[in-house]
Amino acid sequence: MLIKSHHIDIDTPTGKMRTYVHQPAQIGKFPTILFYSEIFQQTGPILRAAQIVASHGYNVLVPEVFHELNPIGTVLGYDDAGRDKGNADKANKDVESYDSDNDALINWAKEQDWHNGNFGAMGFCIGGHLAFRAALNKNIKATACFYATDLHTTIIPNKPGQHSMERLKDISGELLMIWGKQDTHVSTEALSEIRQKLLSTDITFEWHEFNAQHAFMRDEGDRYDAELASICYEMSFRFFTRNFSA
């Protein structure tokens, strides 16, 4: 499916949020996916990933996740300086600010004539966590989380009772949790802890662990696994289709 792309600056309680919109070029109504980047914001690999999703029949919204902490349009490099800045930003944005960002994205999309009423979320790395966070919103029917970081830590600032894993009762949609067994960011013990907490709830979820490293979906660098990425995209599309058809 051919796509088109543009950007919009959306007002949030914490300032304007640059949001990149990738969607089918043909006129029609499609589901909307809130797509969350790594700490580097919309890099080339994130752009291409979002466009892949859009080409399968989705409106894809990619917000600048640290819009409060950087000039509009900031893209961090996949280098030490970019990593240090992104990690510093992660440690300086309260987790509840992402909730108001999500509200702003959803409210804006609801006003657009190309939105068909269905919302999902998807993300990589911290974006996997932010997609998980978006699942707290009752509008989100299905969420695909790829190697979500810091679900098992308190690195992302949060007030008592507001940690994402303390809000599981607010998740009403289905989750697709995808992990790499060789991911040094999320240990085997952390995976077990997260899975057991999900099993203790009534949340419907899929759990998949692959022989892959962190960032195996990123289409540059030596951790990229193109075959596995293709498999995981197809899993995600089937997952979204099933949930949006229900």
C-alpha atoms as a PDB file:
ATOM      1  CA  MET A   1       0.000   0.000   0.000  1.00  0.00           C
ATOM      2  CA  LEU A   2       1.366   3.435  -0.935  1.00  0.00           C
ATOM      3  CA  ILE A   3       1.773   5.869   1.944  1.00  0.00           C
ATOM      4  CA  LYS A   4       2.185   9.568   2.634  1.00  0.00           C
ATOM      5  CA  SER A   5       3.904  11.342   5.518  1.00  0.00           C
ATOM      6  CA  HIS A   6       3.741  14.711   7.220  1.00  0.00           C
ATOM      7  CA  HIS A   7       4.123  16.151  10.708  1.00  0.00           C
ATOM      8  CA  ILE A   8       1.947  18.102  13.113  1.00  0.00           C
ATOM      9  CA  ASP A   9       2.720  19.919  16.357  1.00  0.00           C
ATOM     10  CA  ILE A  10       0.156  18.856  18.956  1.00  0.00           C
ATOM     11  CA  ASP A  11      -0.504  20.836  22.129  1.00  0.00           C
ATOM     12  CA  THR A  12       0.025  18.933  25.382  1.00  0.00           C
ATOM     13  CA  PRO A  13       0.006  20.095  29.031  1.00  0.00           C
ATOM     14  CA  THR A  14       3.819  20.071  28.894  1.00  0.00           C
ATOM     15  CA  GLY A  15       4.262  21.890  25.595  1.00  0.00           C
ATOM     16  CA  LYS A  16       4.004  21.317  21.862  1.00  0.00           C
ATOM     17  CA  MET A  17       4.776  17.774  20.753  1.00  0.00           C
ATOM     18  CA  ARG A  18       6.071  17.225  17.230  1.00  0.00           C
ATOM     19  CA  THR A  19       4.312  14.162  15.866  1.00  0.00           C
ATOM     20  CA  TYR A  20       5.143  12.445  12.594  1.00  0.00           C
ATOM     21  CA  VAL A  21       2.163  11.025  10.733  1.00  0.00           C
ATOM     22  CA  HIS A  22       2.589   8.139   8.290  1.00  0.00           C
ATOM     23  CA  GLN A  23      -0.554   6.750   6.676  1.00  0.00           C
ATOM     24  CA  PRO A  24      -2.042   5.133   3.583  1.00  0.00           C
ATOM     25  CA  ALA A  25      -2.095   7.459   0.587  1.00  0.00           C
ATOM     26  CA  GLN A  26      -5.539   6.307  -0.478  1.00  0.00           C
ATOM     27  CA  ILE A  27      -8.619   8.009   0.884  1.00  0.00           C
ATOM     28  CA  GLY A  28     -10.342   6.000   3.584  1.00  0.00           C
ATOM     29  CA  LYS A  29     -10.636   5.309   7.290  1.00  0.00           C
ATOM     30  CA  PHE A  30      -7.983   3.180   8.985  1.00  0.00           C
ATOM     31  CA  PRO A  31      -6.974   2.157  12.520  1.00  0.00           C
ATOM     32  CA  THR A  32      -4.493   4.431  14.262  1.00  0.00           C
ATOM     33  CA  ILE A  33      -1.304   3.154  15.904  1.00  0.00           C
ATOM     34  CA  LEU A  34       0.573   5.226  18.485  1.00  0.00           C
ATOM     35  CA  PHE A  35       4.168   4.311  17.631  1.00  0.00           C
ATOM     36  CA  TYR A  36       6.884   4.965  20.204  1.00  0.00           C
ATOM     37  CA  SER A  37      10.547   5.342  19.353  1.00  0.00           C
ATOM     38  CA  GLU A  38      13.718   4.467  21.175  1.00  0.00           C
ATOM     39  CA  ILE A  39      15.399   7.172  23.289  1.00  0.00           C
ATOM     40  CA  PHE A  40      16.778   8.683  20.061  1.00  0.00           C
ATOM     41  CA  GLN A  41      13.323   9.802  18.771  1.00  0.00           C
ATOM     42  CA  GLN A  42      12.443   9.466  15.063  1.00  0.00           C
ATOM     43  CA  THR A  43      15.692   8.216  13.579  1.00  0.00           C
ATOM     44  CA  GLY A  44      15.978   6.644  10.138  1.00  0.00           C
ATOM     45  CA  PRO A  45      15.230   3.131  11.435  1.00  0.00           C
ATOM     46  CA  ILE A  46      12.188   4.365  13.368  1.00  0.00           C
ATOM     47  CA  LEU A  47      10.957   6.279  10.323  1.00  0.00           C
ATOM     48  CA  ARG A  48      11.257   3.176   8.171  1.00  0.00           C
ATOM     49  CA  ALA A  49       9.599   0.975  10.786  1.00  0.00           C
ATOM     50  CA  ALA A  50       6.668   3.384  11.069  1.00  0.00           C
ATOM     51  CA  GLN A  51       6.331   3.483   7.289  1.00  0.00           C
ATOM     52  CA  ILE A  52       6.269  -0.318   7.126  1.00  0.00           C
ATOM     53  CA  VAL A  53       3.383  -0.328   9.590  1.00  0.00           C
ATOM     54  CA  ALA A  54       1.571   2.434   7.691  1.00  0.00           C
ATOM     55  CA  SER A  55       1.928   0.531   4.410  1.00  0.00           C
ATOM     56  CA  HIS A  56      -0.097  -2.308   5.918  1.00  0.00           C
ATOM     57  CA  GLY A  57      -3.140  -0.083   6.365  1.00  0.00           C
ATOM     58  CA  TYR A  58      -2.600   1.943   9.523  1.00  0.00           C
ATOM     59  CA  ASN A  59      -2.370   5.591  10.473  1.00  0.00           C
ATOM     60  CA  VAL A  60       0.899   5.721  12.434  1.00  0.00           C
ATOM     61  CA  LEU A  61       1.615   8.571  14.855  1.00  0.00           C
ATOM     62  CA  VAL A  62       5.237   8.892  16.013  1.00  0.00           C
ATOM     63  CA  PRO A  63       5.520  11.485  18.808  1.00  0.00           C
ATOM     64  CA  GLU A  64       8.786  13.015  19.931  1.00  0.00           C
ATOM     65  CA  VAL A  65       8.851  11.272  23.286  1.00  0.00           C
ATOM     66  CA  PHE A  66      11.101  13.853  24.961  1.00  0.00           C
ATOM     67  CA  HIS A  67       9.513  16.939  23.427  1.00  0.00           C
ATOM     68  CA  GLU A  68       9.687  18.849  26.728  1.00  0.00           C
ATOM     69  CA  LEU A  69      13.448  18.411  26.926  1.00  0.00           C
ATOM     70  CA  ASN A  70      14.640  19.146  23.381  1.00  0.00           C
ATOM     71  CA  PRO A  71      14.046  21.587  20.531  1.00  0.00           C
ATOM     72  CA  ILE A  72      11.307  20.486  18.146  1.00  0.00           C
ATOM     73  CA  GLY A  73      12.708  18.158  15.496  1.00  0.00           C
ATOM     74  CA  THR A  74      15.547  16.769  17.604  1.00  0.00           C
ATOM     75  CA  VAL A  75      16.941  13.409  16.512  1.00  0.00           C
ATOM     76  CA  LEU A  76      19.719  11.901  18.610  1.00  0.00           C
ATOM     77  CA  GLY A  77      22.536   9.899  17.081  1.00  0.00           C
ATOM     78  CA  TYR A  78      23.229   6.225  17.641  1.00  0.00           C
ATOM     79  CA  ASP A  79      26.452   7.116  19.405  1.00  0.00           C
ATOM     80  CA  ASP A  80      27.710   7.761  22.923  1.00  0.00           C
ATOM     81  CA  ALA A  81      26.554  11.387  22.934  1.00  0.00           C
ATOM     82  CA  GLY A  82      23.077  10.480  21.697  1.00  0.00           C
ATOM     83  CA  ARG A  83      22.798   7.578  24.102  1.00  0.00           C
ATOM     84  CA  ASP A  84      23.875   9.712  27.060  1.00  0.00           C
ATOM     85  CA  LYS A  85      21.402  12.479  26.168  1.00  0.00           C
ATOM     86  CA  GLY A  86      18.553  10.034  25.592  1.00  0.00           C
ATOM     87  CA  ASN A  87      19.158   8.233  28.862  1.00  0.00           C
ATOM     88  CA  ALA A  88      19.345  11.563  30.689  1.00  0.00           C
ATOM     89  CA  ASP A  89      16.022  12.593  29.135  1.00  0.00           C
ATOM     90  CA  LYS A  90      14.481   9.271  30.159  1.00  0.00           C
ATOM     91  CA  ALA A  91      15.519   9.922  33.754  1.00  0.00           C
ATOM     92  CA  ASN A  92      14.108  13.449  33.693  1.00  0.00           C
ATOM     93  CA  LYS A  93      10.552  12.934  32.432  1.00  0.00           C
ATOM     94  CA  ASP A  94       7.899  11.743  34.878  1.00  0.00           C
ATOM     95  CA  VAL A  95       5.986   8.724  33.647  1.00  0.00           C
ATOM     96  CA  GLU A  96       2.616  10.478  34.021  1.00  0.00           C
ATOM     97  CA  SER A  97       3.665  13.033  31.402  1.00  0.00           C
ATOM     98  CA  TYR A  98       3.439  10.245  28.851  1.00  0.00           C
ATOM     99  CA  ASP A  99      -0.195   9.744  29.874  1.00  0.00           C
ATOM    100  CA  SER A 100      -1.066  13.318  28.959  1.00  0.00           C
ATOM    101  CA  ASP A 101       0.917  12.932  25.718  1.00  0.00           C
ATOM    102  CA  ASN A 102      -1.188   9.870  24.886  1.00  0.00           C
ATOM    103  CA  ASP A 103      -4.414  11.714  25.650  1.00  0.00           C
ATOM    104  CA  ALA A 104      -3.360  14.507  23.296  1.00  0.00           C
ATOM    105  CA  LEU A 105      -2.501  12.066  20.489  1.00  0.00           C
ATOM    106  CA  ILE A 106      -5.772  10.176  20.853  1.00  0.00           C
ATOM    107  CA  ASN A 107      -7.923  13.291  21.060  1.00  0.00           C
ATOM    108  CA  TRP A 108      -6.253  14.735  17.960  1.00  0.00           C
ATOM    109  CA  ALA A 109      -6.670  11.504  15.982  1.00  0.00           C
ATOM    110  CA  LYS A 110     -10.348  11.269  16.899  1.00  0.00           C
ATOM    111  CA  GLU A 111     -10.914  14.575  15.104  1.00  0.00           C
ATOM    112  CA  GLN A 112      -9.400  13.331  11.826  1.00  0.00           C
ATOM    113  CA  ASP A 113     -11.574  11.971   9.035  1.00  0.00           C
ATOM    114  CA  TRP A 114      -9.089   9.153   8.305  1.00  0.00           C
ATOM    115  CA  HIS A 115      -9.438   7.538  11.754  1.00  0.00           C
ATOM    116  CA  ASN A 116     -11.856   4.589  11.927  1.00  0.00           C
ATOM    117  CA  GLY A 117     -12.270   4.429  15.714  1.00  0.00           C
ATOM    118  CA  ASN A 118      -9.679   1.735  16.475  1.00  0.00           C
ATOM    119  CA  PHE A 119      -6.505   2.536  18.416  1.00  0.00           C
ATOM    120  CA  GLY A 120      -3.425   0.432  19.024  1.00  0.00           C
ATOM    121  CA  ALA A 121       0.092   1.069  20.281  1.00  0.00           C
ATOM    122  CA  MET A 122       3.523  -0.242  19.337  1.00  0.00           C
ATOM    123  CA  GLY A 123       7.072   0.581  20.347  1.00  0.00           C
ATOM    124  CA  PHE A 124      10.714  -0.462  20.592  1.00  0.00           C
ATOM    125  CA  CYS A 125      13.030  -0.255  23.643  1.00  0.00           C
ATOM    126  CA  ILE A 126      11.765   2.594  25.865  1.00  0.00           C
ATOM    127  CA  GLY A 127       9.088   2.840  23.201  1.00  0.00           C
ATOM    128  CA  GLY A 128       8.032  -0.672  24.155  1.00  0.00           C
ATOM    129  CA  HIS A 129       7.536   0.585  27.694  1.00  0.00           C
ATOM    130  CA  LEU A 130       5.690   3.671  26.439  1.00  0.00           C
ATOM    131  CA  ALA A 131       3.419   1.492  24.298  1.00  0.00           C
ATOM    132  CA  PHE A 132       2.751  -0.589  27.429  1.00  0.00           C
ATOM    133  CA  ARG A 133       2.003   2.675  29.232  1.00  0.00           C
ATOM    134  CA  ALA A 134      -0.394   3.682  26.461  1.00  0.00           C
ATOM    135  CA  ALA A 135      -2.291   0.443  27.083  1.00  0.00           C
ATOM    136  CA  LEU A 136      -3.500   1.997  30.350  1.00  0.00           C
ATOM    137  CA  ASN A 137      -5.706   4.212  28.195  1.00  0.00           C
ATOM    138  CA  LYS A 138      -9.111   2.612  27.644  1.00  0.00           C
ATOM    139  CA  ASN A 139      -9.081   3.639  23.983  1.00  0.00           C
ATOM    140  CA  ILE A 140      -6.191   1.285  23.218  1.00  0.00           C
ATOM    141  CA  LYS A 141      -7.433  -2.124  22.061  1.00  0.00           C
ATOM    142  CA  ALA A 142      -4.111  -3.795  21.242  1.00  0.00           C
ATOM    143  CA  THR A 143      -0.481  -3.091  22.122  1.00  0.00           C
ATOM    144  CA  ALA A 144       2.717  -4.596  20.684  1.00  0.00           C
ATOM    145  CA  CYS A 145       5.739  -4.103  22.961  1.00  0.00           C
ATOM    146  CA  PHE A 146       9.195  -4.924  21.623  1.00  0.00           C
ATOM    147  CA  TYR A 147      11.944  -5.519  24.220  1.00  0.00           C
ATOM    148  CA  ALA A 148      10.366  -2.960  26.555  1.00  0.00           C
ATOM    149  CA  THR A 149      12.930  -1.473  28.919  1.00  0.00           C
ATOM    150  CA  ASP A 150      12.507  -0.404  32.539  1.00  0.00           C
ATOM    151  CA  LEU A 151       9.244  -2.151  33.286  1.00  0.00           C
ATOM    152  CA  HIS A 152      11.255  -3.787  36.066  1.00  0.00           C
ATOM    153  CA  THR A 153      13.128  -0.655  37.251  1.00  0.00           C
ATOM    154  CA  THR A 154      12.356   2.803  38.616  1.00  0.00           C
ATOM    155  CA  ILE A 155      14.689   4.659  36.240  1.00  0.00           C
ATOM    156  CA  ILE A 156      11.719   6.452  34.675  1.00  0.00           C
ATOM    157  CA  PRO A 157      10.553   8.836  37.432  1.00  0.00           C
ATOM    158  CA  ASN A 158       7.214   7.949  38.973  1.00  0.00           C
ATOM    159  CA  LYS A 159       5.123   8.877  41.973  1.00  0.00           C
ATOM    160  CA  PRO A 160       3.824   6.252  44.438  1.00  0.00           C
ATOM    161  CA  GLY A 161       1.345   3.957  42.737  1.00  0.00           C
ATOM    162  CA  GLN A 162       2.123   5.307  39.258  1.00  0.00           C
ATOM    163  CA  HIS A 163       4.798   2.878  38.069  1.00  0.00           C
ATOM    164  CA  SER A 164       3.552   1.168  34.916  1.00  0.00           C
ATOM    165  CA  MET A 165       3.608  -2.260  36.568  1.00  0.00           C
ATOM    166  CA  GLU A 166       1.527  -0.879  39.438  1.00  0.00           C
ATOM    167  CA  ARG A 167      -1.231   0.108  37.008  1.00  0.00           C
ATOM    168  CA  LEU A 168      -1.913  -3.282  35.442  1.00  0.00           C
ATOM    169  CA  LYS A 169      -5.568  -3.183  36.502  1.00  0.00           C
ATOM    170  CA  ASP A 170      -6.062  -0.288  34.069  1.00  0.00           C
ATOM    171  CA  ILE A 171      -5.113  -2.347  31.003  1.00  0.00           C
ATOM    172  CA  SER A 172      -8.241  -3.495  29.173  1.00  0.00           C
ATOM    173  CA  GLY A 173      -6.813  -4.331  25.741  1.00  0.00           C
ATOM    174  CA  GLU A 174      -4.611  -7.224  24.648  1.00  0.00           C
ATOM    175  CA  LEU A 175      -0.803  -7.208  24.820  1.00  0.00           C
ATOM    176  CA  LEU A 176       1.801  -8.700  22.487  1.00  0.00           C
ATOM    177  CA  MET A 177       5.103  -8.920  24.390  1.00  0.00           C
ATOM    178  CA  ILE A 178       8.199  -9.646  22.282  1.00  0.00           C
ATOM    179  CA  TRP A 179      11.679 -10.103  23.759  1.00  0.00           C
ATOM    180  CA  GLY A 180      15.223 -11.073  22.836  1.00  0.00           C
ATOM    181  CA  LYS A 181      16.820 -13.750  25.003  1.00  0.00           C
ATOM    182  CA  GLN A 182      20.249 -12.175  24.495  1.00  0.00           C
ATOM    183  CA  ASP A 183      19.027  -8.699  25.468  1.00  0.00           C
ATOM    184  CA  THR A 184      21.423  -7.326  28.088  1.00  0.00           C
ATOM    185  CA  HIS A 185      18.971  -4.532  28.952  1.00  0.00           C
ATOM    186  CA  VAL A 186      16.325  -6.930  30.285  1.00  0.00           C
ATOM    187  CA  SER A 187      17.702  -9.874  32.239  1.00  0.00           C
ATOM    188  CA  THR A 188      16.226 -13.363  32.418  1.00  0.00           C
ATOM    189  CA  GLU A 189      15.191 -12.600  35.983  1.00  0.00           C
ATOM    190  CA  ALA A 190      13.464  -9.398  34.869  1.00  0.00           C
ATOM    191  CA  LEU A 191      11.589 -11.256  32.137  1.00  0.00           C
ATOM    192  CA  SER A 192      10.379 -13.795  34.668  1.00  0.00           C
ATOM    193  CA  GLU A 193       9.292 -11.053  37.064  1.00  0.00           C
ATOM    194  CA  ILE A 194       7.333  -9.162  34.399  1.00  0.00           C
ATOM    195  CA  ARG A 195       5.686 -12.323  33.056  1.00  0.00           C
ATOM    196  CA  GLN A 196       4.638 -13.531  36.494  1.00  0.00           C
ATOM    197  CA  LYS A 197       3.053 -10.178  37.285  1.00  0.00           C
ATOM    198  CA  LEU A 198       1.075 -10.302  34.035  1.00  0.00           C
ATOM    199  CA  LEU A 199       0.009 -13.883  34.752  1.00  0.00           C
ATOM    200  CA  SER A 200      -1.393 -12.742  38.096  1.00  0.00           C
ATOM    201  CA  THR A 201      -3.907 -10.516  36.284  1.00  0.00           C
ATOM    202  CA  ASP A 202      -6.811 -11.060  33.895  1.00  0.00           C
ATOM    203  CA  ILE A 203      -4.938  -9.342  31.042  1.00  0.00           C
ATOM    204  CA  THR A 204      -4.981 -11.241  27.751  1.00  0.00           C
ATOM    205  CA  PHE A 205      -1.443 -11.344  26.408  1.00  0.00           C
ATOM    206  CA  GLU A 206       0.962 -13.186  24.130  1.00  0.00           C
ATOM    207  CA  TRP A 207       4.570 -13.678  25.237  1.00  0.00           C
ATOM    208  CA  HIS A 208       7.368 -14.471  22.780  1.00  0.00           C
ATOM    209  CA  GLU A 209      11.087 -14.812  23.480  1.00  0.00           C
ATOM    210  CA  PHE A 210      13.438 -15.086  20.490  1.00  0.00           C
ATOM    211  CA  ASN A 211      17.152 -15.764  20.202  1.00  0.00           C
ATOM    212  CA  ALA A 212      17.999 -12.143  19.507  1.00  0.00           C
ATOM    213  CA  GLN A 213      19.744  -9.150  21.004  1.00  0.00           C
ATOM    214  CA  HIS A 214      18.321  -5.835  22.118  1.00  0.00           C
ATOM    215  CA  ALA A 215      17.288  -3.638  19.159  1.00  0.00           C
ATOM    216  CA  PHE A 216      17.012  -6.586  16.763  1.00  0.00           C
ATOM    217  CA  MET A 217      14.256  -4.685  14.905  1.00  0.00           C
ATOM    218  CA  ARG A 218      16.526  -1.696  14.166  1.00  0.00           C
ATOM    219  CA  ASP A 219      17.517  -1.991  10.510  1.00  0.00           C
ATOM    220  CA  GLU A 220      21.076  -0.775  10.929  1.00  0.00           C
ATOM    221  CA  GLY A 221      23.915  -1.973  13.110  1.00  0.00           C
ATOM    222  CA  ASP A 222      25.147  -5.470  13.902  1.00  0.00           C
ATOM    223  CA  ARG A 223      22.198  -6.466  16.120  1.00  0.00           C
ATOM    224  CA  TYR A 224      19.631  -6.251  13.315  1.00  0.00           C
ATOM    225  CA  ASP A 225      17.982  -9.564  12.440  1.00  0.00           C
ATOM    226  CA  ALA A 226      16.067  -9.015   9.203  1.00  0.00           C
ATOM    227  CA  GLU A 227      14.443 -12.447   9.137  1.00  0.00           C
ATOM    228  CA  LEU A 228      13.219 -12.161  12.706  1.00  0.00           C
ATOM    229  CA  ALA A 229      12.067  -8.577  12.145  1.00  0.00           C
ATOM    230  CA  SER A 230       9.927  -9.763   9.240  1.00  0.00           C
ATOM    231  CA  ILE A 231       8.397 -12.502  11.399  1.00  0.00           C
ATOM    232  CA  CYS A 232       7.632 -10.038  14.191  1.00  0.00           C
ATOM    233  CA  TYR A 233       6.044  -7.487  11.879  1.00  0.00           C
ATOM    234  CA  GLU A 234       3.724 -10.181  10.534  1.00  0.00           C
ATOM    235  CA  MET A 235       2.885 -11.291  14.077  1.00  0.00           C
ATOM    236  CA  SER A 236       2.037  -7.692  14.933  1.00  0.00           C
ATOM    237  CA  PHE A 237      -0.175  -7.173  11.904  1.00  0.00           C
ATOM    238  CA  ARG A 238      -2.134 -10.372  12.580  1.00  0.00           C
ATOM    239  CA  PHE A 239      -2.445  -9.320  16.216  1.00  0.00           C
ATOM    240  CA  PHE A 240      -3.798  -5.869  15.316  1.00  0.00           C
ATOM    241  CA  THR A 241      -6.142  -7.226  12.648  1.00  0.00           C
ATOM    242  CA  ARG A 242      -7.641  -9.751  15.055  1.00  0.00           C
ATOM    243  CA  ASN A 243      -8.201  -7.194  17.799  1.00  0.00           C
ATOM    244  CA  PHE A 244      -9.566  -4.485  15.530  1.00  0.00           C
ATOM    245  CA  SER A 245     -11.961  -6.936  13.885  1.00  0.00           C
ATOM    246  CA  ALA A 246     -13.456  -8.109  17.167  1.00  0.00           C
END
